[in-house]
PDB file of N, CA and C in Angstrom:
ATOM      1  N   UNK A   1       9.625  -7.566   7.954  1.00  0.00           N
ATOM      2  CA  UNK A   1       9.854  -6.354   7.193  1.00  0.00           C
ATOM      3  C   UNK A   1      11.226  -5.774   7.411  1.00  0.00           C
ATOM      4  N   UNK A   2      11.870  -5.390   6.461  1.00  0.00           N
ATOM      5  CA  UNK A   2      13.249  -4.740   6.511  1.00  0.00           C
ATOM      6  C   UNK A   2      13.136  -3.323   7.111  1.00  0.00           C
ATOM      7  N   UNK A   3      14.168  -2.841   7.529  1.00  0.00           N
ATOM      8  CA  UNK A   3      14.171  -1.465   8.034  1.00  0.00           C
ATOM      9  C   UNK A   3      14.331  -0.411   7.039  1.00  0.00           C
ATOM     10  N   UNK A   4      14.543  -0.942   5.784  1.00  0.00           N
ATOM     11  CA  UNK A   4      14.754   0.054   4.704  1.00  0.00           C
ATOM     12  C   UNK A   4      13.479   0.927   4.488  1.00  0.00           C
ATOM     13  N   UNK A   5      13.564   2.063   4.011  1.00  0.00           N
ATOM     14  CA  UNK A   5      12.575   2.994   3.763  1.00  0.00           C
ATOM     15  C   UNK A   5      11.747   2.412   2.451  1.00  0.00           C
ATOM     16  N   UNK A   6      10.471   2.564   2.551  1.00  0.00           N
ATOM     17  CA  UNK A   6       9.421   2.116   1.515  1.00  0.00           C
ATOM     18  C   UNK A   6       9.391   3.300   0.563  1.00  0.00           C
ATOM     19  N   UNK A   7       9.319   2.946  -0.648  1.00  0.00           N
ATOM     20  CA  UNK A   7       9.315   4.028  -1.755  1.00  0.00           C
ATOM     21  C   UNK A   7       7.782   4.141  -2.077  1.00  0.00           C
ATOM     22  N   UNK A   8       7.521   5.351  -2.649  1.00  0.00           N
ATOM     23  CA  UNK A   8       6.055   5.569  -3.083  1.00  0.00           C
ATOM     24  C   UNK A   8       5.775   4.615  -4.233  1.00  0.00           C
ATOM     25  N   UNK A   9       6.844   4.442  -5.120  1.00  0.00           N
ATOM     26  CA  UNK A   9       6.577   3.482  -6.099  1.00  0.00           C
ATOM     27  C   UNK A   9       6.212   2.055  -5.788  1.00  0.00           C
ATOM     28  N   UNK A  10       6.830   1.648  -4.633  1.00  0.00           N
ATOM     29  CA  UNK A  10       6.459   0.383  -4.152  1.00  0.00           C
ATOM     30  C   UNK A  10       5.099   0.309  -3.577  1.00  0.00           C
ATOM     31  N   UNK A  11       4.729   1.409  -2.795  1.00  0.00           N
ATOM     32  CA  UNK A  11       3.321   1.499  -2.300  1.00  0.00           C
ATOM     33  C   UNK A  11       2.375   1.465  -3.491  1.00  0.00           C
ATOM     34  N   UNK A  12       2.550   2.362  -4.551  1.00  0.00           N
ATOM     35  CA  UNK A  12       1.679   2.225  -5.617  1.00  0.00           C
ATOM     36  C   UNK A  12       1.649   0.858  -6.250  1.00  0.00           C
ATOM     37  N   UNK A  13       2.669   0.157  -6.448  1.00  0.00           N
ATOM     38  CA  UNK A  13       2.633  -1.245  -6.990  1.00  0.00           C
ATOM     39  C   UNK A  13       1.828  -2.179  -6.083  1.00  0.00           C
ATOM     40  N   UNK A  14       2.067  -2.077  -4.847  1.00  0.00           N
ATOM     41  CA  UNK A  14       1.269  -2.768  -3.831  1.00  0.00           C
ATOM     42  C   UNK A  14      -0.228  -2.572  -4.028  1.00  0.00           C
ATOM     43  N   UNK A  15      -0.621  -1.239  -4.089  1.00  0.00           N
ATOM     44  CA  UNK A  15      -2.043  -0.907  -4.268  1.00  0.00           C
ATOM     45  C   UNK A  15      -2.574  -1.526  -5.534  1.00  0.00           C
ATOM     46  N   UNK A  16      -1.756  -1.396  -6.683  1.00  0.00           N
ATOM     47  CA  UNK A  16      -2.329  -1.861  -7.898  1.00  0.00           C
ATOM     48  C   UNK A  16      -2.373  -3.524  -7.890  1.00  0.00           C
ATOM     49  N   UNK A  17      -1.470  -4.083  -7.169  1.00  0.00           N
ATOM     50  CA  UNK A  17      -1.553  -5.567  -6.961  1.00  0.00           C
ATOM     51  C   UNK A  17      -2.897  -5.905  -6.298  1.00  0.00           C
ATOM     52  N   UNK A  18      -3.191  -5.214  -5.191  1.00  0.00           N
ATOM     53  CA  UNK A  18      -4.498  -5.524  -4.612  1.00  0.00           C
ATOM     54  C   UNK A  18      -5.678  -5.149  -5.415  1.00  0.00           C
ATOM     55  N   UNK A  19      -5.558  -4.179  -6.090  1.00  0.00           N
ATOM     56  CA  UNK A  19      -6.750  -3.725  -6.969  1.00  0.00           C
ATOM     57  C   UNK A  19      -6.926  -4.753  -7.959  1.00  0.00           C
ATOM     58  N   UNK A  20      -5.892  -5.331  -8.587  1.00  0.00           N
ATOM     59  CA  UNK A  20      -6.049  -6.308  -9.600  1.00  0.00           C
ATOM     60  C   UNK A  20      -6.609  -7.591  -9.055  1.00  0.00           C
ATOM     61  N   UNK A  21      -6.114  -7.881  -7.871  1.00  0.00           N
ATOM     62  CA  UNK A  21      -6.591  -9.102  -7.257  1.00  0.00           C
ATOM     63  C   UNK A  21      -7.967  -9.087  -6.683  1.00  0.00           C
ATOM     64  N   UNK A  22      -8.422  -7.946  -6.228  1.00  0.00           N
ATOM     65  CA  UNK A  22      -9.788  -7.730  -5.707  1.00  0.00           C
ATOM     66  C   UNK A  22     -10.344  -6.342  -6.167  1.00  0.00           C
ATOM     67  N   UNK A  23     -10.865  -6.320  -7.248  1.00  0.00           N
ATOM     68  CA  UNK A  23     -11.253  -5.033  -7.849  1.00  0.00           C
ATOM     69  C   UNK A  23     -12.282  -4.235  -6.993  1.00  0.00           C
ATOM     70  N   UNK A  24     -12.343  -2.971  -7.222  1.00  0.00           N
ATOM     71  CA  UNK A  24     -13.261  -2.154  -6.515  1.00  0.00           C
ATOM     72  C   UNK A  24     -14.768  -2.644  -6.612  1.00  0.00           C
ATOM     73  N   UNK A  25     -15.481  -2.396  -5.592  1.00  0.00           N
ATOM     74  CA  UNK A  25     -16.866  -2.899  -5.490  1.00  0.00           C
ATOM     75  C   UNK A  25     -17.894  -1.863  -5.387  1.00  0.00           C
ATOM     76  N   UNK A  26     -19.131  -2.059  -5.715  1.00  0.00           N
ATOM     77  CA  UNK A  26     -20.237  -1.234  -5.461  1.00  0.00           C
ATOM     78  C   UNK A  26     -20.227  -0.006  -6.305  1.00  0.00           C
ATOM     79  N   UNK A  27     -21.310   0.852  -6.275  1.00  0.00           N
ATOM     80  CA  UNK A  27     -21.404   2.050  -6.918  1.00  0.00           C
ATOM     81  C   UNK A  27     -20.302   2.979  -6.640  1.00  0.00           C
ATOM     82  N   UNK A  28     -19.890   2.887  -5.378  1.00  0.00           N
ATOM     83  CA  UNK A  28     -18.895   3.819  -4.833  1.00  0.00           C
ATOM     84  C   UNK A  28     -17.562   3.453  -5.209  1.00  0.00           C
ATOM     85  N   UNK A  29     -17.353   2.295  -5.847  1.00  0.00           N
ATOM     86  CA  UNK A  29     -16.059   1.699  -6.198  1.00  0.00           C
ATOM     87  C   UNK A  29     -15.104   1.601  -5.008  1.00  0.00           C
ATOM     88  N   UNK A  30     -15.629   1.006  -4.041  1.00  0.00           N
ATOM     89  CA  UNK A  30     -14.961   0.739  -2.729  1.00  0.00           C
ATOM     90  C   UNK A  30     -13.675  -0.146  -2.965  1.00  0.00           C
ATOM     91  N   UNK A  31     -12.528   0.293  -2.533  1.00  0.00           N
ATOM     92  CA  UNK A  31     -11.322  -0.405  -2.580  1.00  0.00           C
ATOM     93  C   UNK A  31     -11.475  -1.634  -1.567  1.00  0.00           C
ATOM     94  N   UNK A  32     -10.665  -2.623  -1.840  1.00  0.00           N
ATOM     95  CA  UNK A  32     -10.634  -3.795  -0.950  1.00  0.00           C
ATOM     96  C   UNK A  32      -9.863  -3.249   0.270  1.00  0.00           C
ATOM     97  N   UNK A  33      -9.858  -3.995   1.358  1.00  0.00           N
ATOM     98  CA  UNK A  33      -9.306  -3.631   2.614  1.00  0.00           C
ATOM     99  C   UNK A  33      -7.802  -3.380   2.498  1.00  0.00           C
ATOM    100  N   UNK A  34      -7.118  -4.243   1.725  1.00  0.00           N
ATOM    101  CA  UNK A  34      -5.602  -4.058   1.628  1.00  0.00           C
ATOM    102  C   UNK A  34      -5.277  -2.843   0.837  1.00  0.00           C
ATOM    103  N   UNK A  35      -5.927  -2.559  -0.278  1.00  0.00           N
ATOM    104  CA  UNK A  35      -5.704  -1.324  -1.102  1.00  0.00           C
ATOM    105  C   UNK A  35      -5.934  -0.128  -0.247  1.00  0.00           C
ATOM    106  N   UNK A  36      -7.095  -0.202   0.411  1.00  0.00           N
ATOM    107  CA  UNK A  36      -7.578   0.950   1.228  1.00  0.00           C
ATOM    108  C   UNK A  36      -6.523   1.254   2.334  1.00  0.00           C
ATOM    109  N   UNK A  37      -6.063   0.284   2.942  1.00  0.00           N
ATOM    110  CA  UNK A  37      -5.033   0.517   4.010  1.00  0.00           C
ATOM    111  C   UNK A  37      -3.803   1.098   3.520  1.00  0.00           C
ATOM    112  N   UNK A  38      -3.376   0.652   2.374  1.00  0.00           N
ATOM    113  CA  UNK A  38      -2.140   1.300   1.646  1.00  0.00           C
ATOM    114  C   UNK A  38      -2.438   2.622   1.015  1.00  0.00           C
ATOM    115  N   UNK A  39      -3.645   2.912   0.694  1.00  0.00           N
ATOM    116  CA  UNK A  39      -3.914   4.179   0.023  1.00  0.00           C
ATOM    117  C   UNK A  39      -3.764   5.411   1.002  1.00  0.00           C
ATOM    118  N   UNK A  40      -4.026   5.256   2.264  1.00  0.00           N
ATOM    119  CA  UNK A  40      -3.811   6.216   3.170  1.00  0.00           C
ATOM    120  C   UNK A  40      -2.511   6.800   3.378  1.00  0.00           C
ATOM    121  N   UNK A  41      -1.414   5.924   3.652  1.00  0.00           N
ATOM    122  CA  UNK A  41      -0.027   6.500   3.692  1.00  0.00           C
ATOM    123  C   UNK A  41       0.401   6.951   2.157  1.00  0.00           C
ATOM    124  N   UNK A  42      -0.106   6.274   1.228  1.00  0.00           N
ATOM    125  CA  UNK A  42       0.249   6.776  -0.118  1.00  0.00           C
ATOM    126  C   UNK A  42      -0.210   8.205  -0.332  1.00  0.00           C
ATOM    127  N   UNK A  43      -1.514   8.503   0.023  1.00  0.00           N
ATOM    128  CA  UNK A  43      -2.094   9.822  -0.212  1.00  0.00           C
ATOM    129  C   UNK A  43      -1.331  10.834   0.619  1.00  0.00           C
ATOM    130  N   UNK A  44      -0.969  10.593   1.806  1.00  0.00           N
ATOM    131  CA  UNK A  44      -0.238  11.361   2.729  1.00  0.00           C
ATOM    132  C   UNK A  44       1.146  11.668   2.145  1.00  0.00           C
ATOM    133  N   UNK A  45       1.894  10.754   1.524  1.00  0.00           N
ATOM    134  CA  UNK A  45       3.126  10.917   0.904  1.00  0.00           C
ATOM    135  C   UNK A  45       3.026  11.858  -0.288  1.00  0.00           C
ATOM    136  N   UNK A  46       1.881  11.807  -1.019  1.00  0.00           N
ATOM    137  CA  UNK A  46       1.724  12.670  -2.290  1.00  0.00           C
ATOM    138  C   UNK A  46       1.479  14.127  -1.755  1.00  0.00           C
ATOM    139  N   UNK A  47       0.575  14.337  -0.693  1.00  0.00           N
ATOM    140  CA  UNK A  47       0.391  15.608  -0.116  1.00  0.00           C
ATOM    141  C   UNK A  47       1.707  16.284   0.397  1.00  0.00           C
ATOM    142  N   UNK A  48       2.456  15.371   1.036  1.00  0.00           N
ATOM    143  CA  UNK A  48       3.729  15.960   1.697  1.00  0.00           C
ATOM    144  C   UNK A  48       4.758  16.056   0.734  1.00  0.00           C
ATOM    145  N   UNK A  49       4.657  15.539  -0.409  1.00  0.00           N
ATOM    146  CA  UNK A  49       5.801  15.540  -1.341  1.00  0.00           C
ATOM    147  C   UNK A  49       6.872  14.493  -0.987  1.00  0.00           C
ATOM    148  N   UNK A  50       6.623  13.557  -0.229  1.00  0.00           N
ATOM    149  CA  UNK A  50       7.497  12.480   0.269  1.00  0.00           C
ATOM    150  C   UNK A  50       7.678  11.439  -0.865  1.00  0.00           C
ATOM    151  N   UNK A  51       8.829  10.857  -0.919  1.00  0.00           N
ATOM    152  CA  UNK A  51       9.047   9.751  -1.896  1.00  0.00           C
ATOM    153  C   UNK A  51       9.417   8.466  -1.126  1.00  0.00           C
ATOM    154  N   UNK A  52       9.616   8.609   0.159  1.00  0.00           N
ATOM    155  CA  UNK A  52       9.978   7.501   0.977  1.00  0.00           C
ATOM    156  C   UNK A  52       9.275   7.529   2.358  1.00  0.00           C
ATOM    157  N   UNK A  53       8.970   6.391   2.902  1.00  0.00           N
ATOM    158  CA  UNK A  53       8.339   6.400   4.233  1.00  0.00           C
ATOM    159  C   UNK A  53       8.968   5.286   5.066  1.00  0.00           C
ATOM    160  N   UNK A  54       9.093   5.486   6.433  1.00  0.00           N
ATOM    161  CA  UNK A  54       9.610   4.406   7.235  1.00  0.00           C
ATOM    162  C   UNK A  54       8.558   3.415   7.400  1.00  0.00           C
ATOM    163  N   UNK A  55       8.912   2.064   7.524  1.00  0.00           N
ATOM    164  CA  UNK A  55       7.918   1.058   7.673  1.00  0.00           C
ATOM    165  C   UNK A  55       7.022   1.266   8.946  1.00  0.00           C
ATOM    166  N   UNK A  56       7.615   1.733   9.917  1.00  0.00           N
ATOM    167  CA  UNK A  56       6.943   1.959  11.226  1.00  0.00           C
ATOM    168  C   UNK A  56       5.828   2.993  11.096  1.00  0.00           C
ATOM    169  N   UNK A  57       5.803   3.758  10.058  1.00  0.00           N
ATOM    170  CA  UNK A  57       4.847   4.776   9.871  1.00  0.00           C
ATOM    171  C   UNK A  57       3.472   4.093   9.241  1.00  0.00           C
ATOM    172  N   UNK A  58       3.567   2.904   8.785  1.00  0.00           N
ATOM    173  CA  UNK A  58       2.432   2.178   8.244  1.00  0.00           C
ATOM    174  C   UNK A  58       1.702   1.692   9.450  1.00  0.00           C
ATOM    175  N   UNK A  59       0.368   1.698   9.299  1.00  0.00           N
ATOM    176  CA  UNK A  59      -0.508   0.955  10.277  1.00  0.00           C
ATOM    177  C   UNK A  59      -0.453  -0.470  10.152  1.00  0.00           C
ATOM    178  N   UNK A  60      -0.943  -1.233  11.138  1.00  0.00           N
ATOM    179  CA  UNK A  60      -0.927  -2.676  11.121  1.00  0.00           C
ATOM    180  C   UNK A  60      -1.425  -3.214   9.876  1.00  0.00           C
ATOM    181  N   UNK A  61      -2.671  -2.757   9.405  1.00  0.00           N
ATOM    182  CA  UNK A  61      -3.274  -3.370   8.162  1.00  0.00           C
ATOM    183  C   UNK A  61      -2.499  -2.980   7.042  1.00  0.00           C
ATOM    184  N   UNK A  62      -1.974  -1.774   6.940  1.00  0.00           N
ATOM    185  CA  UNK A  62      -1.213  -1.408   5.685  1.00  0.00           C
ATOM    186  C   UNK A  62       0.247  -2.245   5.727  1.00  0.00           C
ATOM    187  N   UNK A  63       0.788  -2.433   6.792  1.00  0.00           N
ATOM    188  CA  UNK A  63       1.941  -3.127   6.943  1.00  0.00           C
ATOM    189  C   UNK A  63       1.741  -4.639   6.580  1.00  0.00           C
ATOM    190  N   UNK A  64       0.631  -5.162   7.013  1.00  0.00           N
ATOM    191  CA  UNK A  64       0.331  -6.556   6.625  1.00  0.00           C
ATOM    192  C   UNK A  64       0.140  -6.645   5.149  1.00  0.00           C
ATOM    193  N   UNK A  65      -0.649  -5.748   4.518  1.00  0.00           N
ATOM    194  CA  UNK A  65      -0.954  -5.758   3.015  1.00  0.00           C
ATOM    195  C   UNK A  65       0.395  -5.635   2.237  1.00  0.00           C
ATOM    196  N   UNK A  66       1.319  -4.702   2.774  1.00  0.00           N
ATOM    197  CA  UNK A  66       2.559  -4.511   1.989  1.00  0.00           C
ATOM    198  C   UNK A  66       3.376  -5.721   2.081  1.00  0.00           C
ATOM    199  N   UNK A  67       3.479  -6.322   3.278  1.00  0.00           N
ATOM    200  CA  UNK A  67       4.332  -7.584   3.422  1.00  0.00           C
ATOM    201  C   UNK A  67       3.696  -8.717   2.549  1.00  0.00           C
ATOM    202  N   UNK A  68       2.423  -8.785   2.559  1.00  0.00           N
ATOM    203  CA  UNK A  68       1.692  -9.853   1.661  1.00  0.00           C
ATOM    204  C   UNK A  68       1.981  -9.648   0.188  1.00  0.00           C
ATOM    205  N   UNK A  69       1.980  -8.440  -0.111  1.00  0.00           N
ATOM    206  CA  UNK A  69       2.378  -8.023  -1.574  1.00  0.00           C
ATOM    207  C   UNK A  69       3.842  -8.452  -1.843  1.00  0.00           C
ATOM    208  N   UNK A  70       4.755  -8.125  -0.928  1.00  0.00           N
ATOM    209  CA  UNK A  70       6.174  -8.460  -1.185  1.00  0.00           C
ATOM    210  C   UNK A  70       6.420  -9.919  -1.266  1.00  0.00           C
ATOM    211  N   UNK A  71       5.609 -10.610  -0.447  1.00  0.00           N
ATOM    212  CA  UNK A  71       5.746 -12.159  -0.396  1.00  0.00           C
ATOM    213  C   UNK A  71       5.204 -12.634  -1.815  1.00  0.00           C
ATOM    214  N   UNK A  72       4.138 -12.004  -2.289  1.00  0.00           N
ATOM    215  CA  UNK A  72       3.455 -12.569  -3.408  1.00  0.00           C
ATOM    216  C   UNK A  72       4.376 -12.283  -4.740  1.00  0.00           C
ATOM    217  N   UNK A  73       4.981 -11.214  -4.758  1.00  0.00           N
ATOM    218  CA  UNK A  73       5.863 -10.887  -5.871  1.00  0.00           C
ATOM    219  C   UNK A  73       7.317 -11.282  -5.695  1.00  0.00           C
ATOM    220  N   UNK A  74       7.574 -11.900  -4.645  1.00  0.00           N
ATOM    221  CA  UNK A  74       8.922 -12.451  -4.261  1.00  0.00           C
ATOM    222  C   UNK A  74      10.069 -11.295  -4.020  1.00  0.00           C
ATOM    223  N   UNK A  75       9.455 -10.188  -3.616  1.00  0.00           N
ATOM    224  CA  UNK A  75      10.460  -9.216  -3.296  1.00  0.00           C
ATOM    225  C   UNK A  75      11.237  -9.193  -1.948  1.00  0.00           C
TER     226      UNK A  75
END
């Protein structure tokens, strides 16, 4: 992963990628593990009014999901 800050738009795109690839399940519409991991920092960014986040602020699962999304879309 690069040292560049991640944008909220990128996190949203990554979440949508994982939601399309593995739609929500069950009555509670549970997100897949990848989308769920990315949703946590995304929600914090919204609450804090942030538009960018440092890669090291992502947990291991969120970082792995983000990197897999970037690889899948060729970013």
